Amino acid sequence: MKQRADYGPKSVDALKAALQDNPDSAALLYNLGVSLVADRNLTEAKKAFEEVLALEPNIAEAYVQLGGLAMHEGDLDECLKMNKKAAEVRPRFAVPWGNIGFVHMQQQNPDKAVKALKKALSFDPQFIQAHTTLGSAYLALGDPDGCIMQCSKALEIEPMFGPAYNNIGLAYLDKGEPKKAIMYFDKALETGFEIEAQVLEEIKQYR
């Protein structure tokens, strides 16, 4: 099963027509769900992914998609549940582990986040979002050097990844090195990343 469909938002009607001839195709239903998400029809997308799982309950990507929809609705517990199910049916799939780590951070559980994110990176060392979120978890646990190390790994993979620059800036602020922090915040701004207004106000005095 592909994680992303080859269809764009305009293909919804074509996929629905194809499903009339092949209503039990989990692949067509999955692609329809992805196209509906792209078309911002989230209610119908959710139904499509649920139908996928009714046909084939071991498709990890469908659980991940449902987790994303739950996150959009602000339901962190449901997002966590769906991604845990995805990791259960495919334990070596990095994406749900990364999402689990992100949810744990949103729920202010950095210890749990670290465990999930390390699993994600053990399966996909190039997962830049997992590197960066792991950096945030280390910072929350009072380890700014761990944050810097992890986010630097993200920048080795994608040199223009704004969130990683921002996290390193926060880590240097935490270490009491505002001049270094400003360098990284400026790099984050160059990428188009929006730094929190409170942080921008804090670093004004050091420019």
Protein backbone atom coordinates (compact mmCIF):
# COMPACT_ATOMS: atom_id res chain seq x y z
CA MET A 1 0.00 0.00 0.00
CA LYS A 2 1.40 3.39 -0.96
CA GLN A 3 1.62 6.01 1.75
CA ARG A 4 0.61 8.66 -0.73
CA ALA A 5 -1.74 8.32 -3.64
CA ASP A 6 -0.71 9.07 -7.19
CA TYR A 7 -3.94 11.04 -7.57
CA GLY A 8 -4.53 14.74 -7.00
CA PRO A 9 -7.59 16.43 -5.54
CA LYS A 10 -9.30 16.63 -8.95
CA SER A 11 -9.30 12.85 -9.28
CA VAL A 12 -11.93 12.25 -6.56
CA ASP A 13 -14.70 11.71 -9.12
CA ALA A 14 -12.55 9.36 -11.18
CA LEU A 15 -11.72 7.28 -8.11
CA LYS A 16 -15.35 7.10 -7.06
CA ALA A 17 -16.22 5.92 -10.57
CA ALA A 18 -13.50 3.27 -10.42
CA LEU A 19 -14.84 2.07 -7.06
CA GLN A 20 -18.26 1.46 -8.60
CA ASP A 21 -16.65 -1.27 -10.68
CA ASN A 22 -14.35 -2.47 -7.88
CA PRO A 23 -15.94 -1.55 -4.51
CA ASP A 24 -13.70 -3.89 -2.49
CA SER A 25 -10.42 -2.36 -3.64
CA ALA A 26 -8.57 -1.15 -0.55
CA ALA A 27 -5.97 0.53 -2.76
CA LEU A 28 -8.61 2.61 -4.58
CA LEU A 29 -10.28 3.52 -1.30
CA TYR A 30 -6.96 4.55 0.22
CA ASN A 31 -6.13 6.73 -2.77
CA LEU A 32 -9.61 8.23 -2.57
CA GLY A 33 -9.00 9.08 1.08
CA VAL A 34 -5.71 10.79 0.29
CA SER A 35 -7.32 12.73 -2.56
CA LEU A 36 -10.17 13.80 -0.28
CA VAL A 37 -7.66 15.03 2.30
CA ALA A 38 -5.94 17.06 -0.42
CA ASP A 39 -9.37 18.40 -1.38
CA ARG A 40 -10.02 19.30 2.30
CA ASN A 41 -13.03 16.98 2.49
CA LEU A 42 -11.92 15.49 5.79
CA THR A 43 -15.21 13.90 6.84
CA GLU A 44 -15.39 11.84 3.65
CA ALA A 45 -11.68 11.08 3.86
CA LYS A 46 -12.14 9.61 7.33
CA LYS A 47 -14.93 7.37 6.03
CA ALA A 48 -12.72 6.19 3.17
CA PHE A 49 -9.84 5.23 5.48
CA GLU A 50 -12.24 3.46 7.84
CA GLU A 51 -13.57 1.48 4.87
CA VAL A 52 -10.00 0.58 3.92
CA LEU A 53 -9.45 -0.91 7.36
CA ALA A 54 -12.77 -2.73 7.28
CA LEU A 55 -11.49 -4.50 4.15
CA GLU A 56 -7.85 -4.88 5.19
CA PRO A 57 -7.22 -4.21 8.91
CA ASN A 58 -3.43 -4.45 8.64
CA ILE A 59 -2.77 -1.41 6.43
CA ALA A 60 -0.58 0.77 8.65
CA GLU A 61 -0.81 3.83 6.40
CA ALA A 62 -4.58 4.03 6.85
CA TYR A 63 -4.17 4.15 10.63
CA VAL A 64 -1.57 6.90 10.21
CA GLN A 65 -3.96 8.88 8.03
CA LEU A 66 -6.74 8.52 10.61
CA GLY A 67 -4.28 9.66 13.26
CA GLY A 68 -3.53 12.75 11.22
CA LEU A 69 -7.23 13.53 10.90
CA ALA A 70 -7.65 13.09 14.66
CA MET A 71 -4.75 15.49 15.23
CA HIS A 72 -6.46 18.01 12.94
CA GLU A 73 -9.55 17.73 15.13
CA GLY A 74 -7.45 18.26 18.26
CA ASP A 75 -8.02 14.72 19.54
CA LEU A 76 -4.54 13.77 20.73
CA ASP A 77 -5.68 10.56 22.42
CA GLU A 78 -7.27 9.27 19.21
CA CYS A 79 -4.20 10.30 17.21
CA LEU A 80 -2.01 8.36 19.64
CA LYS A 81 -4.31 5.34 19.47
CA MET A 82 -4.28 5.24 15.66
CA ASN A 83 -0.51 5.58 15.40
CA LYS A 84 0.03 2.91 18.05
CA LYS A 85 -2.19 0.63 15.98
CA ALA A 86 -0.11 1.42 12.88
CA ALA A 87 3.08 0.57 14.79
CA GLU A 88 1.47 -2.62 16.02
CA VAL A 89 0.60 -3.89 12.55
CA ARG A 90 3.96 -2.79 11.11
CA PRO A 91 6.50 -2.40 13.94
CA ARG A 92 9.36 -1.19 11.73
CA PHE A 93 7.34 1.64 10.12
CA ALA A 94 9.08 4.84 11.25
CA VAL A 95 6.23 7.30 10.59
CA PRO A 96 3.84 6.19 13.35
CA TRP A 97 6.69 6.09 15.88
CA GLY A 98 7.56 9.67 14.92
CA ASN A 99 3.91 10.68 15.29
CA ILE A 100 3.68 8.94 18.66
CA GLY A 101 6.69 10.91 19.82
CA PHE A 102 5.15 14.16 18.59
CA VAL A 103 1.89 13.46 20.45
CA HIS A 104 3.78 12.66 23.64
CA MET A 105 5.51 16.04 23.34
CA GLN A 106 2.13 17.74 22.89
CA GLN A 107 0.98 15.93 26.03
CA GLN A 108 4.13 17.07 27.86
CA ASN A 109 5.58 13.58 28.21
CA PRO A 110 9.13 14.06 26.88
CA ASP A 111 10.42 10.81 28.42
CA LYS A 112 7.88 8.80 26.43
CA ALA A 113 8.59 10.94 23.37
CA VAL A 114 12.30 10.11 23.48
CA LYS A 115 11.60 6.37 23.44
CA ALA A 116 9.21 6.59 20.48
CA LEU A 117 11.42 8.94 18.48
CA LYS A 118 14.50 6.78 18.99
CA LYS A 119 12.51 3.88 17.57
CA ALA A 120 11.49 5.99 14.58
CA LEU A 121 15.11 6.89 13.89
CA SER A 122 16.29 3.30 14.30
CA PHE A 123 14.04 2.42 11.37
CA ASP A 124 14.67 5.59 9.33
CA PRO A 125 17.84 7.54 10.24
CA GLN A 126 16.95 10.17 7.60
CA PHE A 127 13.66 11.12 9.32
CA ILE A 128 14.39 14.83 9.84
CA GLN A 129 11.17 15.60 11.74
CA ALA A 130 11.96 12.83 14.21
CA HIS A 131 15.48 14.20 14.75
CA THR A 132 14.06 17.67 15.40
CA THR A 133 11.26 16.52 17.70
CA LEU A 134 13.77 14.41 19.60
CA GLY A 135 15.84 17.57 19.99
CA SER A 136 12.79 19.29 21.49
CA ALA A 137 12.32 16.37 23.88
CA TYR A 138 15.93 16.58 25.05
CA LEU A 139 15.53 20.31 25.61
CA ALA A 140 12.37 19.71 27.64
CA LEU A 141 14.34 17.24 29.75
CA GLY A 142 17.02 19.84 30.47
CA ASP A 143 19.60 18.58 27.96
CA PRO A 144 20.33 21.47 25.56
CA ASP A 145 23.48 19.77 24.25
CA GLY A 146 21.42 16.72 23.30
CA CYS A 147 19.02 19.04 21.50
CA ILE A 148 21.86 20.70 19.58
CA MET A 149 23.36 17.36 18.59
CA GLN A 150 20.05 15.92 17.39
CA CYS A 151 18.96 19.00 15.46
CA SER A 152 22.40 19.26 13.86
CA LYS A 153 21.80 15.77 12.49
CA ALA A 154 18.55 17.02 10.96
CA LEU A 155 20.43 19.89 9.29
CA GLU A 156 22.98 17.47 7.84
CA ILE A 157 20.06 15.85 6.04
CA GLU A 158 18.17 19.05 5.15
CA PRO A 159 20.28 22.23 5.53
CA MET A 160 17.25 24.54 5.20
CA PHE A 161 15.03 22.90 7.82
CA GLY A 162 13.84 25.87 9.86
CA PRO A 163 12.52 24.04 12.96
CA ALA A 164 15.96 22.55 13.58
CA TYR A 165 17.62 25.99 13.52
CA ASN A 166 14.93 27.27 15.88
CA ASN A 167 15.49 24.42 18.33
CA ILE A 168 19.24 24.98 18.34
CA GLY A 169 18.62 28.67 19.01
CA LEU A 170 16.41 27.75 21.97
CA ALA A 171 19.08 25.37 23.23
CA TYR A 172 21.76 28.08 23.16
CA LEU A 173 19.41 30.44 24.98
CA ASP A 174 18.98 27.75 27.60
CA LYS A 175 22.76 27.45 27.84
CA GLY A 176 23.08 31.20 28.40
CA GLU A 177 24.70 31.88 25.01
CA PRO A 178 22.33 34.42 23.39
CA LYS A 179 24.76 35.53 20.67
CA LYS A 180 25.00 31.99 19.34
CA ALA A 181 21.25 31.63 19.72
CA ILE A 182 20.67 34.68 17.52
CA MET A 183 22.77 33.17 14.73
CA TYR A 184 20.50 30.14 14.62
CA PHE A 185 17.29 32.12 14.97
CA ASP A 186 18.39 34.25 12.02
CA LYS A 187 18.97 31.09 9.99
CA ALA A 188 15.50 29.86 10.96
CA LEU A 189 14.00 33.15 9.77
CA GLU A 190 15.87 32.83 6.46
CA THR A 191 14.07 29.55 5.82
CA GLY A 192 10.69 31.20 6.42
CA PHE A 193 10.19 29.67 9.84
CA GLU A 194 8.14 31.83 12.21
CA ILE A 195 9.83 32.24 15.59
CA GLU A 196 7.59 32.81 18.60
CA ALA A 197 7.06 36.51 19.37
CA GLN A 198 8.14 35.99 22.98
CA VAL A 199 11.51 34.62 21.85
CA LEU A 200 12.04 37.47 19.38
CA GLU A 201 11.34 39.96 22.16
CA GLU A 202 13.76 38.18 24.48
CA ILE A 203 16.69 38.30 22.05
CA LYS A 204 16.21 41.96 21.09
CA GLN A 205 18.46 43.12 23.90
CA TYR A 206 21.36 41.03 22.63
CA ARG A 207 21.45 42.33 19.07
